[in-house]
PDB file of all heavy atoms in Angstrom:
ATOM      1  N   MET A   1    -122.199 128.418 -84.077  1.00  0.00           N
ATOM      2  CA  MET A   1    -122.122 129.360 -82.969  1.00  0.00           C
ATOM      3  C   MET A   1    -123.365 130.239 -82.910  1.00  0.00           C
ATOM      4  O   MET A   1    -123.997 130.510 -83.935  1.00  0.00           O
ATOM      5  CB  MET A   1    -120.902 130.285 -83.116  1.00  0.00           C
ATOM      6  CG  MET A   1    -119.565 129.620 -82.974  1.00  0.00           C
ATOM      7  SD  MET A   1    -118.233 130.859 -83.045  1.00  0.00           S
ATOM      8  CE  MET A   1    -116.799 129.789 -82.923  1.00  0.00           C
ATOM      9  N   ILE A   2    -123.673 130.687 -81.709  1.00  0.00           N
ATOM     10  CA  ILE A   2    -124.671 131.721 -81.469  1.00  0.00           C
ATOM     11  C   ILE A   2    -123.931 132.925 -80.893  1.00  0.00           C
ATOM     12  O   ILE A   2    -123.099 132.784 -79.990  1.00  0.00           O
ATOM     13  CB  ILE A   2    -125.744 131.257 -80.473  1.00  0.00           C
ATOM     14  CG1 ILE A   2    -126.379 129.938 -80.903  1.00  0.00           C
ATOM     15  CG2 ILE A   2    -126.821 132.313 -80.300  1.00  0.00           C
ATOM     16  CD1 ILE A   2    -127.280 129.320 -79.849  1.00  0.00           C
ATOM     17  N   GLY A   3    -124.222 134.111 -81.415  1.00  0.00           N
ATOM     18  CA  GLY A   3    -123.661 135.337 -80.851  1.00  0.00           C
ATOM     19  C   GLY A   3    -122.399 135.825 -81.516  1.00  0.00           C
ATOM     20  O   GLY A   3    -121.898 136.904 -81.182  1.00  0.00           O
ATOM     21  N   ARG A   4    -121.861 135.084 -82.478  1.00  0.00           N
ATOM     22  CA  ARG A   4    -120.636 135.499 -83.164  1.00  0.00           C
ATOM     23  C   ARG A   4    -120.724 135.156 -84.631  1.00  0.00           C
ATOM     24  O   ARG A   4    -121.116 134.048 -84.988  1.00  0.00           O
ATOM     25  CB  ARG A   4    -119.421 134.813 -82.549  1.00  0.00           C
ATOM     26  CG  ARG A   4    -118.097 135.178 -83.203  1.00  0.00           C
ATOM     27  CD  ARG A   4    -116.940 134.521 -82.457  1.00  0.00           C
ATOM     28  NE  ARG A   4    -115.666 134.819 -83.076  1.00  0.00           N
ATOM     29  CZ  ARG A   4    -114.491 134.397 -82.605  1.00  0.00           C
ATOM     30  NH1 ARG A   4    -114.454 133.676 -81.498  1.00  0.00           N
ATOM     31  NH2 ARG A   4    -113.368 134.696 -83.207  1.00  0.00           N
ATOM     32  N   ASP A   5    -120.367 136.111 -85.490  1.00  0.00           N
ATOM     33  CA  ASP A   5    -120.364 135.895 -86.934  1.00  0.00           C
ATOM     34  C   ASP A   5    -118.996 135.381 -87.346  1.00  0.00           C
ATOM     35  O   ASP A   5    -117.999 136.095 -87.258  1.00  0.00           O
ATOM     36  CB  ASP A   5    -120.688 137.204 -87.658  1.00  0.00           C
ATOM     37  CG  ASP A   5    -120.917 137.004 -89.147  1.00  0.00           C
ATOM     38  OD1 ASP A   5    -120.705 135.872 -89.629  1.00  0.00           O
ATOM     39  OD2 ASP A   5    -121.307 137.969 -89.819  1.00  0.00           O
ATOM     40  N   GLN A   6    -118.933 134.131 -87.795  1.00  0.00           N
ATOM     41  CA  GLN A   6    -117.660 133.553 -88.218  1.00  0.00           C
ATOM     42  C   GLN A   6    -117.300 133.935 -89.643  1.00  0.00           C
ATOM     43  O   GLN A   6    -116.190 133.681 -90.096  1.00  0.00           O
ATOM     44  CB  GLN A   6    -117.716 132.032 -88.110  1.00  0.00           C
ATOM     45  CG  GLN A   6    -118.023 131.541 -86.710  1.00  0.00           C
ATOM     46  CD  GLN A   6    -118.221 130.046 -86.679  1.00  0.00           C
ATOM     47  OE1 GLN A   6    -117.264 129.272 -86.687  1.00  0.00           O
ATOM     48  NE2 GLN A   6    -119.473 129.616 -86.649  1.00  0.00           N
ATOM     49  N   GLY A   7    -118.255 134.506 -90.382  1.00  0.00           N
ATOM     50  CA  GLY A   7    -118.000 134.924 -91.752  1.00  0.00           C
ATOM     51  C   GLY A   7    -117.509 136.357 -91.791  1.00  0.00           C
ATOM     52  O   GLY A   7    -116.781 136.822 -90.929  1.00  0.00           O
ATOM     53  N   ALA A   8    -117.937 137.072 -92.817  1.00  0.00           N
ATOM     54  CA  ALA A   8    -117.585 138.488 -92.970  1.00  0.00           C
ATOM     55  C   ALA A   8    -116.081 138.687 -92.843  1.00  0.00           C
ATOM     56  O   ALA A   8    -115.596 139.519 -92.086  1.00  0.00           O
ATOM     57  CB  ALA A   8    -118.329 139.329 -91.934  1.00  0.00           C
ATOM     58  N   GLN A   9    -115.315 137.899 -93.616  1.00  0.00           N
ATOM     59  CA  GLN A   9    -113.864 137.908 -93.472  1.00  0.00           C
ATOM     60  C   GLN A   9    -113.232 139.252 -93.823  1.00  0.00           C
ATOM     61  O   GLN A   9    -112.149 139.581 -93.336  1.00  0.00           O
ATOM     62  CB  GLN A   9    -113.255 136.807 -94.364  1.00  0.00           C
ATOM     63  CG  GLN A   9    -113.699 135.403 -93.996  1.00  0.00           C
ATOM     64  CD  GLN A   9    -113.312 135.010 -92.585  1.00  0.00           C
ATOM     65  OE1 GLN A   9    -112.293 135.450 -92.066  1.00  0.00           O
ATOM     66  NE2 GLN A   9    -114.141 134.199 -91.944  1.00  0.00           N
ATOM     67  N   ASN A  10    -113.897 140.037 -94.681  1.00  0.00           N
ATOM     68  CA  ASN A  10    -113.335 141.323 -95.084  1.00  0.00           C
ATOM     69  C   ASN A  10    -113.615 142.435 -94.090  1.00  0.00           C
ATOM     70  O   ASN A  10    -113.180 143.565 -94.268  1.00  0.00           O
ATOM     71  CB  ASN A  10    -113.864 141.722 -96.465  1.00  0.00           C
ATOM     72  CG  ASN A  10    -113.425 140.752 -97.552  1.00  0.00           C
ATOM     73  OD1 ASN A  10    -112.325 140.215 -97.482  1.00  0.00           O
ATOM     74  ND2 ASN A  10    -114.275 140.530 -98.539  1.00  0.00           N
ATOM     75  N   MET A  11    -114.388 142.142 -93.053  1.00  0.00           N
ATOM     76  CA  MET A  11    -114.715 143.159 -92.047  1.00  0.00           C
ATOM     77  C   MET A  11    -113.730 143.102 -90.883  1.00  0.00           C
ATOM     78  O   MET A  11    -113.201 142.037 -90.548  1.00  0.00           O
ATOM     79  CB  MET A  11    -116.128 142.938 -91.501  1.00  0.00           C
ATOM     80  CG  MET A  11    -117.236 143.174 -92.482  1.00  0.00           C
ATOM     81  SD  MET A  11    -118.855 143.004 -91.651  1.00  0.00           S
ATOM     82  CE  MET A  11    -119.951 143.312 -93.032  1.00  0.00           C
ATOM     83  N   SER A  12    -113.509 144.240 -90.273  1.00  0.00           N
ATOM     84  CA  SER A  12    -112.733 144.258 -89.038  1.00  0.00           C
ATOM     85  C   SER A  12    -113.583 143.677 -87.920  1.00  0.00           C
ATOM     86  O   SER A  12    -114.813 143.574 -88.031  1.00  0.00           O
ATOM     87  CB  SER A  12    -112.333 145.691 -88.684  1.00  0.00           C
ATOM     88  OG  SER A  12    -113.482 146.448 -88.337  1.00  0.00           O
ATOM     89  N   ASP A  13    -112.937 143.296 -86.817  1.00  0.00           N
ATOM     90  CA  ASP A  13    -113.684 142.763 -85.674  1.00  0.00           C
ATOM     91  C   ASP A  13    -114.730 143.752 -85.193  1.00  0.00           C
ATOM     92  O   ASP A  13    -115.819 143.370 -84.762  1.00  0.00           O
ATOM     93  CB  ASP A  13    -112.724 142.425 -84.529  1.00  0.00           C
ATOM     94  CG  ASP A  13    -112.007 141.103 -84.759  1.00  0.00           C
ATOM     95  OD1 ASP A  13    -112.523 140.286 -85.543  1.00  0.00           O
ATOM     96  OD2 ASP A  13    -110.941 140.891 -84.170  1.00  0.00           O
ATOM     97  N   LYS A  14    -114.416 145.044 -85.265  1.00  0.00           N
ATOM     98  CA  LYS A  14    -115.350 146.064 -84.792  1.00  0.00           C
ATOM     99  C   LYS A  14    -116.590 146.134 -85.659  1.00  0.00           C
ATOM    100  O   LYS A  14    -117.688 146.429 -85.200  1.00  0.00           O
ATOM    101  CB  LYS A  14    -114.650 147.416 -84.751  1.00  0.00           C
ATOM    102  CG  LYS A  14    -115.462 148.517 -84.077  1.00  0.00           C
ATOM    103  CD  LYS A  14    -114.658 149.792 -83.943  1.00  0.00           C
ATOM    104  CE  LYS A  14    -115.469 150.883 -83.240  1.00  0.00           C
ATOM    105  NZ  LYS A  14    -114.680 152.132 -83.089  1.00  0.00           N
ATOM    106  N   GLN A  15    -116.444 145.848 -86.977  1.00  0.00           N
ATOM    107  CA  GLN A  15    -117.563 145.944 -87.905  1.00  0.00           C
ATOM    108  C   GLN A  15    -118.436 144.697 -87.928  1.00  0.00           C
ATOM    109  O   GLN A  15    -119.579 144.753 -88.364  1.00  0.00           O
ATOM    110  CB  GLN A  15    -117.033 146.192 -89.328  1.00  0.00           C
ATOM    111  CG  GLN A  15    -116.368 147.549 -89.527  1.00  0.00           C
ATOM    112  CD  GLN A  15    -115.729 147.642 -90.904  1.00  0.00           C
ATOM    113  OE1 GLN A  15    -115.062 146.716 -91.369  1.00  0.00           O
ATOM    114  NE2 GLN A  15    -115.947 148.764 -91.563  1.00  0.00           N
ATOM    115  N   LYS A  16    -117.912 143.567 -87.472  1.00  0.00           N
ATOM    116  CA  LYS A  16    -118.656 142.313 -87.593  1.00  0.00           C
ATOM    117  C   LYS A  16    -119.923 142.347 -86.757  1.00  0.00           C
ATOM    118  O   LYS A  16    -119.934 142.874 -85.647  1.00  0.00           O
ATOM    119  CB  LYS A  16    -117.777 141.133 -87.160  1.00  0.00           C
ATOM    120  CG  LYS A  16    -116.738 140.739 -88.198  1.00  0.00           C
ATOM    121  CD  LYS A  16    -116.050 139.441 -87.815  1.00  0.00           C
ATOM    122  CE  LYS A  16    -115.072 139.011 -88.887  1.00  0.00           C
ATOM    123  NZ  LYS A  16    -114.427 137.716 -88.563  1.00  0.00           N
ATOM    124  N   PRO A  17    -121.010 141.774 -87.308  1.00  0.00           N
ATOM    125  CA  PRO A  17    -122.270 141.741 -86.552  1.00  0.00           C
ATOM    126  C   PRO A  17    -122.125 140.965 -85.249  1.00  0.00           C
ATOM    127  O   PRO A  17    -121.445 139.945 -85.192  1.00  0.00           O
ATOM    128  CB  PRO A  17    -123.239 141.028 -87.509  1.00  0.00           C
ATOM    129  CG  PRO A  17    -122.631 141.163 -88.854  1.00  0.00           C
ATOM    130  CD  PRO A  17    -121.148 141.181 -88.637  1.00  0.00           C
ATOM    131  N   ARG A  18    -122.747 141.468 -84.201  1.00  0.00           N
ATOM    132  CA  ARG A  18    -122.746 140.803 -82.910  1.00  0.00           C
ATOM    133  C   ARG A  18    -124.201 140.558 -82.495  1.00  0.00           C
ATOM    134  O   ARG A  18    -125.131 140.828 -83.250  1.00  0.00           O
ATOM    135  CB  ARG A  18    -122.050 141.675 -81.856  1.00  0.00           C
ATOM    136  CG  ARG A  18    -120.684 142.172 -82.295  1.00  0.00           C
ATOM    137  CD  ARG A  18    -119.567 141.305 -81.761  1.00  0.00           C
ATOM    138  NE  ARG A  18    -118.284 141.890 -82.097  1.00  0.00           N
ATOM    139  CZ  ARG A  18    -117.366 141.303 -82.846  1.00  0.00           C
ATOM    140  NH1 ARG A  18    -117.591 140.107 -83.337  1.00  0.00           N
ATOM    141  NH2 ARG A  18    -116.217 141.885 -83.106  1.00  0.00           N
ATOM    142  N   PHE A  19    -124.367 140.102 -81.282  1.00  0.00           N
ATOM    143  CA  PHE A  19    -125.713 139.888 -80.769  1.00  0.00           C
ATOM    144  C   PHE A  19    -125.772 140.367 -79.331  1.00  0.00           C
ATOM    145  O   PHE A  19    -124.937 139.981 -78.508  1.00  0.00           O
ATOM    146  CB  PHE A  19    -126.095 138.407 -80.846  1.00  0.00           C
ATOM    147  CG  PHE A  19    -127.504 138.135 -80.408  1.00  0.00           C
ATOM    148  CD1 PHE A  19    -128.548 138.231 -81.303  1.00  0.00           C
ATOM    149  CD2 PHE A  19    -127.795 137.814 -79.089  1.00  0.00           C
ATOM    150  CE1 PHE A  19    -129.859 138.002 -80.901  1.00  0.00           C
ATOM    151  CE2 PHE A  19    -129.089 137.587 -78.672  1.00  0.00           C
ATOM    152  CZ  PHE A  19    -130.128 137.680 -79.586  1.00  0.00           C
ATOM    153  N   VAL A  20    -126.751 141.228 -79.032  1.00  0.00           N
ATOM    154  CA  VAL A  20    -127.029 141.658 -77.660  1.00  0.00           C
ATOM    155  C   VAL A  20    -128.505 141.408 -77.415  1.00  0.00           C
ATOM    156  O   VAL A  20    -129.363 141.957 -78.117  1.00  0.00           O
ATOM    157  CB  VAL A  20    -126.688 143.139 -77.433  1.00  0.00           C
ATOM    158  CG1 VAL A  20    -127.014 143.548 -75.990  1.00  0.00           C
ATOM    159  CG2 VAL A  20    -125.221 143.416 -77.729  1.00  0.00           C
ATOM    160  N   GLY A  21    -128.818 140.566 -76.474  1.00  0.00           N
ATOM    161  CA  GLY A  21    -130.206 140.215 -76.207  1.00  0.00           C
ATOM    162  C   GLY A  21    -130.319 138.795 -75.705  1.00  0.00           C
ATOM    163  O   GLY A  21    -129.412 138.287 -75.034  1.00  0.00           O
ATOM    164  N   GLU A  22    -131.417 138.129 -76.038  1.00  0.00           N
ATOM    165  CA  GLU A  22    -131.651 136.769 -75.566  1.00  0.00           C
ATOM    166  C   GLU A  22    -132.080 135.859 -76.716  1.00  0.00           C
ATOM    167  O   GLU A  22    -132.804 136.284 -77.619  1.00  0.00           O
ATOM    168  CB  GLU A  22    -132.734 136.757 -74.474  1.00  0.00           C
ATOM    169  CG  GLU A  22    -132.302 137.448 -73.191  1.00  0.00           C
ATOM    170  CD  GLU A  22    -133.308 137.332 -72.072  1.00  0.00           C
ATOM    171  OE1 GLU A  22    -134.485 136.989 -72.339  1.00  0.00           O
ATOM    172  OE2 GLU A  22    -132.917 137.590 -70.916  1.00  0.00           O
ATOM    173  N   ILE A  23    -131.614 134.632 -76.653  1.00  0.00           N
ATOM    174  CA  ILE A  23    -131.996 133.586 -77.610  1.00  0.00           C
ATOM    175  C   ILE A  23    -132.487 132.382 -76.822  1.00  0.00           C
ATOM    176  O   ILE A  23    -131.900 132.008 -75.797  1.00  0.00           O
ATOM    177  CB  ILE A  23    -130.816 133.180 -78.503  1.00  0.00           C
ATOM    178  CG1 ILE A  23    -130.446 134.318 -79.463  1.00  0.00           C
ATOM    179  CG2 ILE A  23    -131.144 131.925 -79.300  1.00  0.00           C
ATOM    180  CD1 ILE A  23    -129.314 133.988 -80.409  1.00  0.00           C
ATOM    181  N   THR A  24    -133.557 131.778 -77.311  1.00  0.00           N
ATOM    182  CA  THR A  24    -134.063 130.547 -76.701  1.00  0.00           C
ATOM    183  C   THR A  24    -134.742 129.704 -77.775  1.00  0.00           C
ATOM    184  O   THR A  24    -134.955 130.142 -78.912  1.00  0.00           O
ATOM    185  CB  THR A  24    -135.047 130.875 -75.555  1.00  0.00           C
ATOM    186  OG1 THR A  24    -135.371 129.669 -74.861  1.00  0.00           O
ATOM    187  CG2 THR A  24    -136.325 131.520 -76.057  1.00  0.00           C
ATOM    188  N   ASP A  25    -135.062 128.490 -77.412  1.00  0.00           N
ATOM    189  CA  ASP A  25    -135.842 127.570 -78.260  1.00  0.00           C
ATOM    190  C   ASP A  25    -135.282 127.457 -79.673  1.00  0.00           C
ATOM    191  O   ASP A  25    -136.007 127.578 -80.672  1.00  0.00           O
ATOM    192  CB  ASP A  25    -137.312 128.027 -78.319  1.00  0.00           C
ATOM    193  CG  ASP A  25    -138.001 127.936 -76.970  1.00  0.00           C
ATOM    194  OD1 ASP A  25    -137.463 127.254 -76.081  1.00  0.00           O
ATOM    195  OD2 ASP A  25    -139.057 128.574 -76.797  1.00  0.00           O
ATOM    196  N   LEU A  26    -133.974 127.191 -79.774  1.00  0.00           N
ATOM    197  CA  LEU A  26    -133.356 126.978 -81.086  1.00  0.00           C
ATOM    198  C   LEU A  26    -133.476 125.497 -81.451  1.00  0.00           C
ATOM    199  O   LEU A  26    -133.048 124.623 -80.695  1.00  0.00           O
ATOM    200  CB  LEU A  26    -131.892 127.410 -81.063  1.00  0.00           C
ATOM    201  CG  LEU A  26    -131.165 127.380 -82.416  1.00  0.00           C
ATOM    202  CD1 LEU A  26    -130.124 128.492 -82.486  1.00  0.00           C
ATOM    203  CD2 LEU A  26    -130.504 126.029 -82.702  1.00  0.00           C
ATOM    204  N   TYR A  27    -134.050 125.240 -82.618  1.00  0.00           N
ATOM    205  CA  TYR A  27    -134.230 123.884 -83.132  1.00  0.00           C
ATOM    206  C   TYR A  27    -133.824 123.860 -84.601  1.00  0.00           C
ATOM    207  O   TYR A  27    -134.012 124.843 -85.325  1.00  0.00           O
ATOM    208  CB  TYR A  27    -135.693 123.435 -83.019  1.00  0.00           C
ATOM    209  CG  TYR A  27    -136.202 123.336 -81.598  1.00  0.00           C
ATOM    210  CD1 TYR A  27    -136.768 124.442 -80.967  1.00  0.00           C
ATOM    211  CD2 TYR A  27    -136.117 122.135 -80.889  1.00  0.00           C
ATOM    212  CE1 TYR A  27    -137.232 124.362 -79.658  1.00  0.00           C
ATOM    213  CE2 TYR A  27    -136.580 122.042 -79.581  1.00  0.00           C
ATOM    214  CZ  TYR A  27    -137.134 123.164 -78.976  1.00  0.00           C
ATOM    215  OH  TYR A  27    -137.584 123.067 -77.681  1.00  0.00           O
ATOM    216  N   MET A  28    -133.286 122.724 -85.037  1.00  0.00           N
ATOM    217  CA  MET A  28    -132.944 122.570 -86.455  1.00  0.00           C
ATOM    218  C   MET A  28    -133.215 121.143 -86.887  1.00  0.00           C
ATOM    219  O   MET A  28    -132.924 120.192 -86.153  1.00  0.00           O
ATOM    220  CB  MET A  28    -131.477 122.922 -86.701  1.00  0.00           C
ATOM    221  CG  MET A  28    -131.085 122.990 -88.166  1.00  0.00           C
ATOM    222  SD  MET A  28    -129.384 123.596 -88.379  1.00  0.00           S
ATOM    223  CE  MET A  28    -129.317 123.761 -90.171  1.00  0.00           C
ATOM    224  N   TRP A  29    -133.763 120.999 -88.107  1.00  0.00           N
ATOM    225  CA  TRP A  29    -134.092 119.708 -88.702  1.00  0.00           C
ATOM    226  C   TRP A  29    -133.395 119.597 -90.054  1.00  0.00           C
ATOM    227  O   TRP A  29    -133.125 120.619 -90.702  1.00  0.00           O
ATOM    228  CB  TRP A  29    -135.601 119.569 -88.909  1.00  0.00           C
ATOM    229  CG  TRP A  29    -136.438 119.648 -87.665  1.00  0.00           C
ATOM    230  CD1 TRP A  29    -136.956 118.601 -86.953  1.00  0.00           C
ATOM    231  CD2 TRP A  29    -136.882 120.836 -86.978  1.00  0.00           C
ATOM    232  NE1 TRP A  29    -137.687 119.056 -85.880  1.00  0.00           N
ATOM    233  CE2 TRP A  29    -137.663 120.425 -85.861  1.00  0.00           C
ATOM    234  CE3 TRP A  29    -136.707 122.210 -87.186  1.00  0.00           C
ATOM    235  CZ2 TRP A  29    -138.254 121.326 -84.981  1.00  0.00           C
ATOM    236  CZ3 TRP A  29    -137.289 123.113 -86.310  1.00  0.00           C
ATOM    237  CH2 TRP A  29    -138.053 122.672 -85.218  1.00  0.00           C
ATOM    238  N   ASP A  30    -133.164 118.376 -90.506  1.00  0.00           N
ATOM    239  CA  ASP A  30    -132.525 118.175 -91.809  1.00  0.00           C
ATOM    240  C   ASP A  30    -133.551 118.001 -92.928  1.00  0.00           C
ATOM    241  O   ASP A  30    -133.312 117.313 -93.915  1.00  0.00           O
ATOM    242  CB  ASP A  30    -131.561 116.983 -91.767  1.00  0.00           C
ATOM    243  CG  ASP A  30    -132.247 115.653 -91.473  1.00  0.00           C
ATOM    244  OD1 ASP A  30    -133.470 115.652 -91.193  1.00  0.00           O
ATOM    245  OD2 ASP A  30    -131.558 114.612 -91.513  1.00  0.00           O
ATOM    246  N   TYR A  31    -134.692 118.643 -92.779  1.00  0.00           N
ATOM    247  CA  TYR A  31    -135.742 118.649 -93.796  1.00  0.00           C
ATOM    248  C   TYR A  31    -136.580 119.906 -93.605  1.00  0.00           C
ATOM    249  O   TYR A  31    -136.450 120.607 -92.592  1.00  0.00           O
ATOM    250  CB  TYR A  31    -136.620 117.391 -93.697  1.00  0.00           C
ATOM    251  CG  TYR A  31    -137.262 117.176 -92.341  1.00  0.00           C
ATOM    252  CD1 TYR A  31    -138.542 117.670 -92.058  1.00  0.00           C
ATOM    253  CD2 TYR A  31    -136.602 116.451 -91.340  1.00  0.00           C
ATOM    254  CE1 TYR A  31    -139.140 117.469 -90.813  1.00  0.00           C
ATOM    255  CE2 TYR A  31    -137.192 116.244 -90.104  1.00  0.00           C
ATOM    256  CZ  TYR A  31    -138.451 116.760 -89.848  1.00  0.00           C
ATOM    257  OH  TYR A  31    -139.032 116.553 -88.627  1.00  0.00           O
ATOM    258  N   VAL A  32    -137.440 120.188 -94.574  1.00  0.00           N
ATOM    259  CA  VAL A  32    -138.311 121.366 -94.495  1.00  0.00           C
ATOM    260  C   VAL A  32    -139.588 120.992 -93.745  1.00  0.00           C
ATOM    261  O   VAL A  32    -140.310 120.070 -94.139  1.00  0.00           O
ATOM    262  CB  VAL A  32    -138.642 121.893 -95.902  1.00  0.00           C
ATOM    263  CG1 VAL A  32    -139.665 123.024 -95.828  1.00  0.00           C
ATOM    264  CG2 VAL A  32    -137.378 122.372 -96.607  1.00  0.00           C
ATOM    265  N   LEU A  33    -139.837 121.681 -92.662  1.00  0.00           N
ATOM    266  CA  LEU A  33    -141.059 121.448 -91.899  1.00  0.00           C
ATOM    267  C   LEU A  33    -142.287 121.874 -92.685  1.00  0.00           C
ATOM    268  O   LEU A  33    -142.253 122.845 -93.449  1.00  0.00           O
ATOM    269  CB  LEU A  33    -141.026 122.246 -90.594  1.00  0.00           C
ATOM    270  CG  LEU A  33    -140.045 121.817 -89.499  1.00  0.00           C
ATOM    271  CD1 LEU A  33    -140.159 122.775 -88.322  1.00  0.00           C
ATOM    272  CD2 LEU A  33    -140.299 120.389 -89.039  1.00  0.00           C
ATOM    273  N   LYS A  34    -143.375 121.168 -92.487  1.00  0.00           N
ATOM    274  CA  LYS A  34    -144.657 121.591 -93.034  1.00  0.00           C
ATOM    275  C   LYS A  34    -145.125 122.853 -92.302  1.00  0.00           C
ATOM    276  O   LYS A  34    -144.733 123.118 -91.165  1.00  0.00           O
ATOM    277  CB  LYS A  34    -145.706 120.481 -92.866  1.00  0.00           C
ATOM    278  CG  LYS A  34    -145.308 119.157 -93.503  1.00  0.00           C
ATOM    279  CD  LYS A  34    -145.237 119.254 -95.015  1.00  0.00           C
ATOM    280  CE  LYS A  34    -144.982 117.890 -95.654  1.00  0.00           C
ATOM    281  NZ  LYS A  34    -144.829 117.980 -97.127  1.00  0.00           N
ATOM    282  N   SER A  35    -146.001 123.606 -92.951  1.00  0.00           N
ATOM    283  CA  SER A  35    -146.457 124.871 -92.369  1.00  0.00           C
ATOM    284  C   SER A  35    -147.150 124.656 -91.028  1.00  0.00           C
ATOM    285  O   SER A  35    -146.966 125.447 -90.095  1.00  0.00           O
ATOM    286  CB  SER A  35    -147.388 125.603 -93.336  1.00  0.00           C
ATOM    287  OG  SER A  35    -148.512 124.804 -93.648  1.00  0.00           O
TER     288      SER A  35
END
């Protein structure tokens, strides 16, 4: 997920980290990219 913390089980919903802003260009690879 983007924008919601599924962890932090001991926190109340009010305390859990959220996201306000913009996200773009998300990429993920199953290896470490070279510099």
